[in-house]
Amino acid sequence: MEAMNAEHEAAAGRLQAALELFETGVAMMRQKLRREHPEWSNTQLEAHLVQWLQDRPGAEHGDAVGRPVPWPRTPA
């Protein structure tokens, strides 16, 4: 039972780290957009940030290598 709790705690820690890294990346992009476009209002900046999050140039089909497949995957 203790081993399972330790595994769950480790997994929770990894998830927490991933979420924190995501938030840091969003904050960094927000700063980059602000530096590049100081004339934008906060509303414009947030709209561009949301667009970037949805499009993510360079990761149109996700972050992994390989070919895109439909999700959820159906057994062949």
PDB file of N, CA and C in Angstrom:
ATOM      1  N   MET A   1       0.829  -1.201   0.000  1.00  0.00           N
ATOM      2  CA  MET A   1       0.000   0.000   0.000  1.00  0.00           C
ATOM      3  C   MET A   1       0.867   1.256   0.000  1.00  0.00           C
ATOM      4  N   GLU A   2       1.949   1.226   0.769  1.00  0.00           N
ATOM      5  CA  GLU A   2       2.837   2.387   0.823  1.00  0.00           C
ATOM      6  C   GLU A   2       3.507   2.617  -0.524  1.00  0.00           C
ATOM      7  N   ALA A   3       3.858   1.528  -1.230  1.00  0.00           N
ATOM      8  CA  ALA A   3       4.494   1.666  -2.540  1.00  0.00           C
ATOM      9  C   ALA A   3       3.543   2.337  -3.521  1.00  0.00           C
ATOM     10  N   MET A   4       2.247   1.979  -3.461  1.00  0.00           N
ATOM     11  CA  MET A   4       1.272   2.581  -4.351  1.00  0.00           C
ATOM     12  C   MET A   4       1.120   4.065  -4.035  1.00  0.00           C
ATOM     13  N   ASN A   5       1.077   4.400  -2.752  1.00  0.00           N
ATOM     14  CA  ASN A   5       0.979   5.807  -2.372  1.00  0.00           C
ATOM     15  C   ASN A   5       2.202   6.581  -2.847  1.00  0.00           C
ATOM     16  N   ALA A   6       3.373   5.978  -2.737  1.00  0.00           N
ATOM     17  CA  ALA A   6       4.598   6.630  -3.192  1.00  0.00           C
ATOM     18  C   ALA A   6       4.561   6.835  -4.706  1.00  0.00           C
ATOM     19  N   GLU A   7       4.051   5.841  -5.444  1.00  0.00           N
ATOM     20  CA  GLU A   7       3.932   5.972  -6.901  1.00  0.00           C
ATOM     21  C   GLU A   7       2.958   7.088  -7.269  1.00  0.00           C
ATOM     22  N   HIS A   8       1.833   7.157  -6.552  1.00  0.00           N
ATOM     23  CA  HIS A   8       0.853   8.206  -6.818  1.00  0.00           C
ATOM     24  C   HIS A   8       1.432   9.578  -6.490  1.00  0.00           C
ATOM     25  N   GLU A   9       2.167   9.676  -5.403  1.00  0.00           N
ATOM     26  CA  GLU A   9       2.784  10.950  -5.039  1.00  0.00           C
ATOM     27  C   GLU A   9       3.823  11.360  -6.075  1.00  0.00           C
ATOM     28  N   ALA A  10       4.597  10.399  -6.569  1.00  0.00           N
ATOM     29  CA  ALA A  10       5.594  10.698  -7.591  1.00  0.00           C
ATOM     30  C   ALA A  10       4.910  11.164  -8.879  1.00  0.00           C
ATOM     31  N   ALA A  11       3.843  10.488  -9.261  1.00  0.00           N
ATOM     32  CA  ALA A  11       3.103  10.871 -10.466  1.00  0.00           C
ATOM     33  C   ALA A  11       2.488  12.262 -10.287  1.00  0.00           C
ATOM     34  N   ALA A  12       1.946  12.522  -9.122  1.00  0.00           N
ATOM     35  CA  ALA A  12       1.370  13.843  -8.844  1.00  0.00           C
ATOM     36  C   ALA A  12       2.445  14.920  -8.914  1.00  0.00           C
ATOM     37  N   GLY A  13       3.627  14.622  -8.434  1.00  0.00           N
ATOM     38  CA  GLY A  13       4.731  15.576  -8.503  1.00  0.00           C
ATOM     39  C   GLY A  13       5.139  15.868  -9.935  1.00  0.00           C
ATOM     40  N   ARG A  14       5.176  14.822 -10.765  1.00  0.00           N
ATOM     41  CA  ARG A  14       5.519  15.016 -12.179  1.00  0.00           C
ATOM     42  C   ARG A  14       4.454  15.848 -12.893  1.00  0.00           C
ATOM     43  N   LEU A  15       3.188  15.573 -12.601  1.00  0.00           N
ATOM     44  CA  LEU A  15       2.105  16.344 -13.198  1.00  0.00           C
ATOM     45  C   LEU A  15       2.190  17.800 -12.755  1.00  0.00           C
ATOM     46  N   GLN A  16       2.422  18.024 -11.481  1.00  0.00           N
ATOM     47  CA  GLN A  16       2.536  19.390 -10.965  1.00  0.00           C
ATOM     48  C   GLN A  16       3.685  20.128 -11.652  1.00  0.00           C
ATOM     49  N   ALA A  17       4.815  19.457 -11.836  1.00  0.00           N
ATOM     50  CA  ALA A  17       5.959  20.074 -12.512  1.00  0.00           C
ATOM     51  C   ALA A  17       5.606  20.422 -13.956  1.00  0.00           C
ATOM     52  N   ALA A  18       4.901  19.526 -14.651  1.00  0.00           N
ATOM     53  CA  ALA A  18       4.507  19.783 -16.036  1.00  0.00           C
ATOM     54  C   ALA A  18       3.568  20.985 -16.118  1.00  0.00           C
ATOM     55  N   LEU A  19       2.616  21.063 -15.201  1.00  0.00           N
ATOM     56  CA  LEU A  19       1.683  22.195 -15.199  1.00  0.00           C
ATOM     57  C   LEU A  19       2.409  23.504 -14.911  1.00  0.00           C
ATOM     58  N   GLU A  20       3.363  23.475 -13.999  1.00  0.00           N
ATOM     59  CA  GLU A  20       4.144  24.675 -13.697  1.00  0.00           C
ATOM     60  C   GLU A  20       4.988  25.095 -14.891  1.00  0.00           C
ATOM     61  N   LEU A  21       5.563  24.129 -15.608  1.00  0.00           N
ATOM     62  CA  LEU A  21       6.335  24.447 -16.804  1.00  0.00           C
ATOM     63  C   LEU A  21       5.442  25.064 -17.882  1.00  0.00           C
ATOM     64  N   PHE A  22       4.230  24.543 -18.025  1.00  0.00           N
ATOM     65  CA  PHE A  22       3.280  25.108 -18.982  1.00  0.00           C
ATOM     66  C   PHE A  22       2.987  26.564 -18.637  1.00  0.00           C
ATOM     67  N   GLU A  23       2.673  26.821 -17.374  1.00  0.00           N
ATOM     68  CA  GLU A  23       2.376  28.187 -16.938  1.00  0.00           C
ATOM     69  C   GLU A  23       3.566  29.112 -17.157  1.00  0.00           C
ATOM     70  N   THR A  24       4.770  28.617 -16.917  1.00  0.00           N
ATOM     71  CA  THR A  24       5.972  29.411 -17.140  1.00  0.00           C
ATOM     72  C   THR A  24       6.118  29.734 -18.628  1.00  0.00           C
ATOM     73  N   GLY A  25       5.868  28.748 -19.486  1.00  0.00           N
ATOM     74  CA  GLY A  25       5.943  28.977 -20.925  1.00  0.00           C
ATOM     75  C   GLY A  25       4.942  30.014 -21.397  1.00  0.00           C
ATOM     76  N   VAL A  26       3.728  29.960 -20.873  1.00  0.00           N
ATOM     77  CA  VAL A  26       2.705  30.940 -21.244  1.00  0.00           C
ATOM     78  C   VAL A  26       3.135  32.338 -20.780  1.00  0.00           C
ATOM     79  N   ALA A  27       3.663  32.427 -19.569  1.00  0.00           N
ATOM     80  CA  ALA A  27       4.125  33.719 -19.048  1.00  0.00           C
ATOM     81  C   ALA A  27       5.270  34.269 -19.902  1.00  0.00           C
ATOM     82  N   MET A  28       6.171  33.395 -20.330  1.00  0.00           N
ATOM     83  CA  MET A  28       7.281  33.828 -21.177  1.00  0.00           C
ATOM     84  C   MET A  28       6.786  34.326 -22.530  1.00  0.00           C
ATOM     85  N   MET A  29       5.825  33.633 -23.119  1.00  0.00           N
ATOM     86  CA  MET A  29       5.282  34.081 -24.400  1.00  0.00           C
ATOM     87  C   MET A  29       4.542  35.400 -24.225  1.00  0.00           C
ATOM     88  N   ARG A  30       3.832  35.564 -23.126  1.00  0.00           N
ATOM     89  CA  ARG A  30       3.131  36.825 -22.856  1.00  0.00           C
ATOM     90  C   ARG A  30       4.155  37.974 -22.800  1.00  0.00           C
ATOM     91  N   GLN A  31       5.271  37.753 -22.114  1.00  0.00           N
ATOM     92  CA  GLN A  31       6.316  38.784 -22.033  1.00  0.00           C
ATOM     93  C   GLN A  31       6.907  39.071 -23.408  1.00  0.00           C
ATOM     94  N   LYS A  32       7.136  38.029 -24.193  1.00  0.00           N
ATOM     95  CA  LYS A  32       7.695  38.198 -25.538  1.00  0.00           C
ATOM     96  C   LYS A  32       6.752  39.030 -26.404  1.00  0.00           C
ATOM     97  N   LEU A  33       5.460  38.704 -26.366  1.00  0.00           N
ATOM     98  CA  LEU A  33       4.495  39.464 -27.146  1.00  0.00           C
ATOM     99  C   LEU A  33       4.429  40.916 -26.682  1.00  0.00           C
ATOM    100  N   ARG A  34       4.509  41.130 -25.384  1.00  0.00           N
ATOM    101  CA  ARG A  34       4.475  42.493 -24.832  1.00  0.00           C
ATOM    102  C   ARG A  34       5.693  43.290 -25.303  1.00  0.00           C
ATOM    103  N   ARG A  35       6.871  42.646 -25.315  1.00  0.00           N
ATOM    104  CA  ARG A  35       8.088  43.327 -25.784  1.00  0.00           C
ATOM    105  C   ARG A  35       7.995  43.653 -27.270  1.00  0.00           C
ATOM    106  N   GLU A  36       7.487  42.691 -28.057  1.00  0.00           N
ATOM    107  CA  GLU A  36       7.422  42.879 -29.499  1.00  0.00           C
ATOM    108  C   GLU A  36       6.314  43.842 -29.931  1.00  0.00           C
ATOM    109  N   HIS A  37       5.267  43.961 -29.117  1.00  0.00           N
ATOM    110  CA  HIS A  37       4.108  44.787 -29.487  1.00  0.00           C
ATOM    111  C   HIS A  37       3.642  45.625 -28.293  1.00  0.00           C
ATOM    112  N   PRO A  38       4.441  46.601 -27.889  1.00  0.00           N
ATOM    113  CA  PRO A  38       4.053  47.410 -26.717  1.00  0.00           C
ATOM    114  C   PRO A  38       2.786  48.238 -26.963  1.00  0.00           C
ATOM    115  N   GLU A  39       2.417  48.404 -28.230  1.00  0.00           N
ATOM    116  CA  GLU A  39       1.225  49.198 -28.548  1.00  0.00           C
ATOM    117  C   GLU A  39      -0.072  48.414 -28.334  1.00  0.00           C
ATOM    118  N   TRP A  40       0.004  47.108 -28.206  1.00  0.00           N
ATOM    119  CA  TRP A  40      -1.199  46.300 -28.021  1.00  0.00           C
ATOM    120  C   TRP A  40      -1.817  46.540 -26.651  1.00  0.00           C
ATOM    121  N   SER A  41      -3.138  46.548 -26.621  1.00  0.00           N
ATOM    122  CA  SER A  41      -3.844  46.581 -25.339  1.00  0.00           C
ATOM    123  C   SER A  41      -3.749  45.198 -24.688  1.00  0.00           C
ATOM    124  N   ASN A  42      -4.103  45.112 -23.430  1.00  0.00           N
ATOM    125  CA  ASN A  42      -4.104  43.811 -22.745  1.00  0.00           C
ATOM    126  C   ASN A  42      -5.043  42.834 -23.441  1.00  0.00           C
ATOM    127  N   THR A  43      -6.166  43.346 -23.935  1.00  0.00           N
ATOM    128  CA  THR A  43      -7.130  42.488 -24.637  1.00  0.00           C
ATOM    129  C   THR A  43      -6.529  41.929 -25.919  1.00  0.00           C
ATOM    130  N   GLN A  44      -5.849  42.776 -26.682  1.00  0.00           N
ATOM    131  CA  GLN A  44      -5.208  42.315 -27.913  1.00  0.00           C
ATOM    132  C   GLN A  44      -4.118  41.294 -27.601  1.00  0.00           C
ATOM    133  N   LEU A  45      -3.318  41.584 -26.593  1.00  0.00           N
ATOM    134  CA  LEU A  45      -2.234  40.680 -26.228  1.00  0.00           C
ATOM    135  C   LEU A  45      -2.792  39.315 -25.836  1.00  0.00           C
ATOM    136  N   GLU A  46      -3.821  39.293 -25.000  1.00  0.00           N
ATOM    137  CA  GLU A  46      -4.406  38.023 -24.568  1.00  0.00           C
ATOM    138  C   GLU A  46      -5.027  37.278 -25.740  1.00  0.00           C
ATOM    139  N   ALA A  47      -5.628  38.002 -26.690  1.00  0.00           N
ATOM    140  CA  ALA A  47      -6.208  37.357 -27.870  1.00  0.00           C
ATOM    141  C   ALA A  47      -5.115  36.684 -28.696  1.00  0.00           C
ATOM    142  N   HIS A  48      -3.987  37.352 -28.882  1.00  0.00           N
ATOM    143  CA  HIS A  48      -2.881  36.767 -29.625  1.00  0.00           C
ATOM    144  C   HIS A  48      -2.267  35.584 -28.868  1.00  0.00           C
ATOM    145  N   LEU A  49      -2.215  35.696 -27.566  1.00  0.00           N
ATOM    146  CA  LEU A  49      -1.688  34.600 -26.752  1.00  0.00           C
ATOM    147  C   LEU A  49      -2.585  33.364 -26.882  1.00  0.00           C
ATOM    148  N   VAL A  50      -3.884  33.553 -26.826  1.00  0.00           N
ATOM    149  CA  VAL A  50      -4.823  32.440 -26.990  1.00  0.00           C
ATOM    150  C   VAL A  50      -4.674  31.829 -28.382  1.00  0.00           C
ATOM    151  N   GLN A  51      -4.533  32.686 -29.385  1.00  0.00           N
ATOM    152  CA  GLN A  51      -4.349  32.184 -30.756  1.00  0.00           C
ATOM    153  C   GLN A  51      -3.078  31.365 -30.855  1.00  0.00           C
ATOM    154  N   TRP A  52      -2.000  31.842 -30.239  1.00  0.00           N
ATOM    155  CA  TRP A  52      -0.736  31.096 -30.240  1.00  0.00           C
ATOM    156  C   TRP A  52      -0.908  29.742 -29.554  1.00  0.00           C
ATOM    157  N   LEU A  53      -1.611  29.711 -28.445  1.00  0.00           N
ATOM    158  CA  LEU A  53      -1.836  28.452 -27.730  1.00  0.00           C
ATOM    159  C   LEU A  53      -2.636  27.475 -28.579  1.00  0.00           C
ATOM    160  N   GLN A  54      -3.562  27.977 -29.364  1.00  0.00           N
ATOM    161  CA  GLN A  54      -4.388  27.097 -30.184  1.00  0.00           C
ATOM    162  C   GLN A  54      -3.654  26.611 -31.425  1.00  0.00           C
ATOM    163  N   ASP A  55      -2.816  27.456 -32.019  1.00  0.00           N
ATOM    164  CA  ASP A  55      -2.121  27.090 -33.248  1.00  0.00           C
ATOM    165  C   ASP A  55      -0.764  26.450 -32.990  1.00  0.00           C
ATOM    166  N   ARG A  56      -0.035  26.966 -32.037  1.00  0.00           N
ATOM    167  CA  ARG A  56       1.309  26.505 -31.684  1.00  0.00           C
ATOM    168  C   ARG A  56       2.150  26.183 -32.913  1.00  0.00           C
ATOM    169  N   PRO A  57       2.620  27.198 -33.618  1.00  0.00           N
ATOM    170  CA  PRO A  57       3.433  26.959 -34.813  1.00  0.00           C
ATOM    171  C   PRO A  57       4.584  25.994 -34.525  1.00  0.00           C
ATOM    172  N   GLY A  58       4.725  25.021 -35.399  1.00  0.00           N
ATOM    173  CA  GLY A  58       5.755  24.006 -35.210  1.00  0.00           C
ATOM    174  C   GLY A  58       5.235  22.760 -34.524  1.00  0.00           C
ATOM    175  N   ALA A  59       4.046  22.829 -33.957  1.00  0.00           N
ATOM    176  CA  ALA A  59       3.466  21.669 -33.282  1.00  0.00           C
ATOM    177  C   ALA A  59       2.001  21.514 -33.696  1.00  0.00           C
ATOM    178  N   GLU A  60       1.745  21.718 -34.974  1.00  0.00           N
ATOM    179  CA  GLU A  60       0.367  21.663 -35.468  1.00  0.00           C
ATOM    180  C   GLU A  60      -0.305  20.321 -35.209  1.00  0.00           C
ATOM    181  N   HIS A  61       0.497  19.255 -35.207  1.00  0.00           N
ATOM    182  CA  HIS A  61      -0.052  17.915 -35.010  1.00  0.00           C
ATOM    183  C   HIS A  61       0.342  17.329 -33.665  1.00  0.00           C
ATOM    184  N   GLY A  62       0.734  18.180 -32.732  1.00  0.00           N
ATOM    185  CA  GLY A  62       1.141  17.716 -31.415  1.00  0.00           C
ATOM    186  C   GLY A  62       2.640  17.856 -31.221  1.00  0.00           C
ATOM    187  N   ASP A  63       3.108  17.437 -30.074  1.00  0.00           N
ATOM    188  CA  ASP A  63       4.505  17.615 -29.707  1.00  0.00           C
ATOM    189  C   ASP A  63       5.370  16.399 -29.990  1.00  0.00           C
ATOM    190  N   ALA A  64       4.770  15.304 -30.367  1.00  0.00           N
ATOM    191  CA  ALA A  64       5.533  14.074 -30.560  1.00  0.00           C
ATOM    192  C   ALA A  64       5.895  13.885 -32.033  1.00  0.00           C
ATOM    193  N   VAL A  65       6.947  13.112 -32.258  1.00  0.00           N
ATOM    194  CA  VAL A  65       7.319  12.778 -33.629  1.00  0.00           C
ATOM    195  C   VAL A  65       6.392  11.679 -34.129  1.00  0.00           C
ATOM    196  N   GLY A  66       6.304  11.540 -35.425  1.00  0.00           N
ATOM    197  CA  GLY A  66       5.467  10.490 -35.995  1.00  0.00           C
ATOM    198  C   GLY A  66       4.347  11.086 -36.814  1.00  0.00           C
ATOM    199  N   ARG A  67       3.496  10.227 -37.288  1.00  0.00           N
ATOM    200  CA  ARG A  67       2.392  10.685 -38.127  1.00  0.00           C
ATOM    201  C   ARG A  67       1.145  10.886 -37.273  1.00  0.00           C
ATOM    202  N   PRO A  68       0.327  11.877 -37.627  1.00  0.00           N
ATOM    203  CA  PRO A  68      -0.920  12.112 -36.890  1.00  0.00           C
ATOM    204  C   PRO A  68      -1.876  10.929 -37.064  1.00  0.00           C
ATOM    205  N   VAL A  69      -2.552  10.568 -36.022  1.00  0.00           N
ATOM    206  CA  VAL A  69      -3.565   9.510 -36.060  1.00  0.00           C
ATOM    207  C   VAL A  69      -4.834  10.034 -35.396  1.00  0.00           C
ATOM    208  N   PRO A  70      -5.992   9.497 -35.771  1.00  0.00           N
ATOM    209  CA  PRO A  70      -7.233   9.971 -35.129  1.00  0.00           C
ATOM    210  C   PRO A  70      -7.264   9.587 -33.657  1.00  0.00           C
ATOM    211  N   TRP A  71      -7.936  10.388 -32.887  1.00  0.00           N
ATOM    212  CA  TRP A  71      -8.070  10.106 -31.457  1.00  0.00           C
ATOM    213  C   TRP A  71      -9.531  10.181 -31.107  1.00  0.00           C
ATOM    214  N   PRO A  72     -10.084   9.299 -30.342  1.00  0.00           N
ATOM    215  CA  PRO A  72      -9.395   8.136 -29.774  1.00  0.00           C
ATOM    216  C   PRO A  72      -9.099   7.096 -30.851  1.00  0.00           C
ATOM    217  N   ARG A  73      -8.034   6.369 -30.620  1.00  0.00           N
ATOM    218  CA  ARG A  73      -7.626   5.367 -31.595  1.00  0.00           C
ATOM    219  C   ARG A  73      -8.570   4.176 -31.516  1.00  0.00           C
ATOM    220  N   THR A  74      -8.865   3.637 -32.663  1.00  0.00           N
ATOM    221  CA  THR A  74      -9.725   2.446 -32.706  1.00  0.00           C
ATOM    222  C   THR A  74      -8.871   1.250 -33.077  1.00  0.00           C
ATOM    223  N   PRO A  75      -9.126   0.115 -32.452  1.00  0.00           N
ATOM    224  CA  PRO A  75      -8.328  -1.072 -32.782  1.00  0.00           C
ATOM    225  C   PRO A  75      -8.472  -1.454 -34.249  1.00  0.00           C
ATOM    226  N   ALA A  76      -7.389  -1.869 -34.841  1.00  0.00           N
ATOM    227  CA  ALA A  76      -7.410  -2.240 -36.270  1.00  0.00           C
ATOM    228  C   ALA A  76      -7.867  -3.666 -36.449  1.00  0.00           C
TER     229      ALA A  76
END
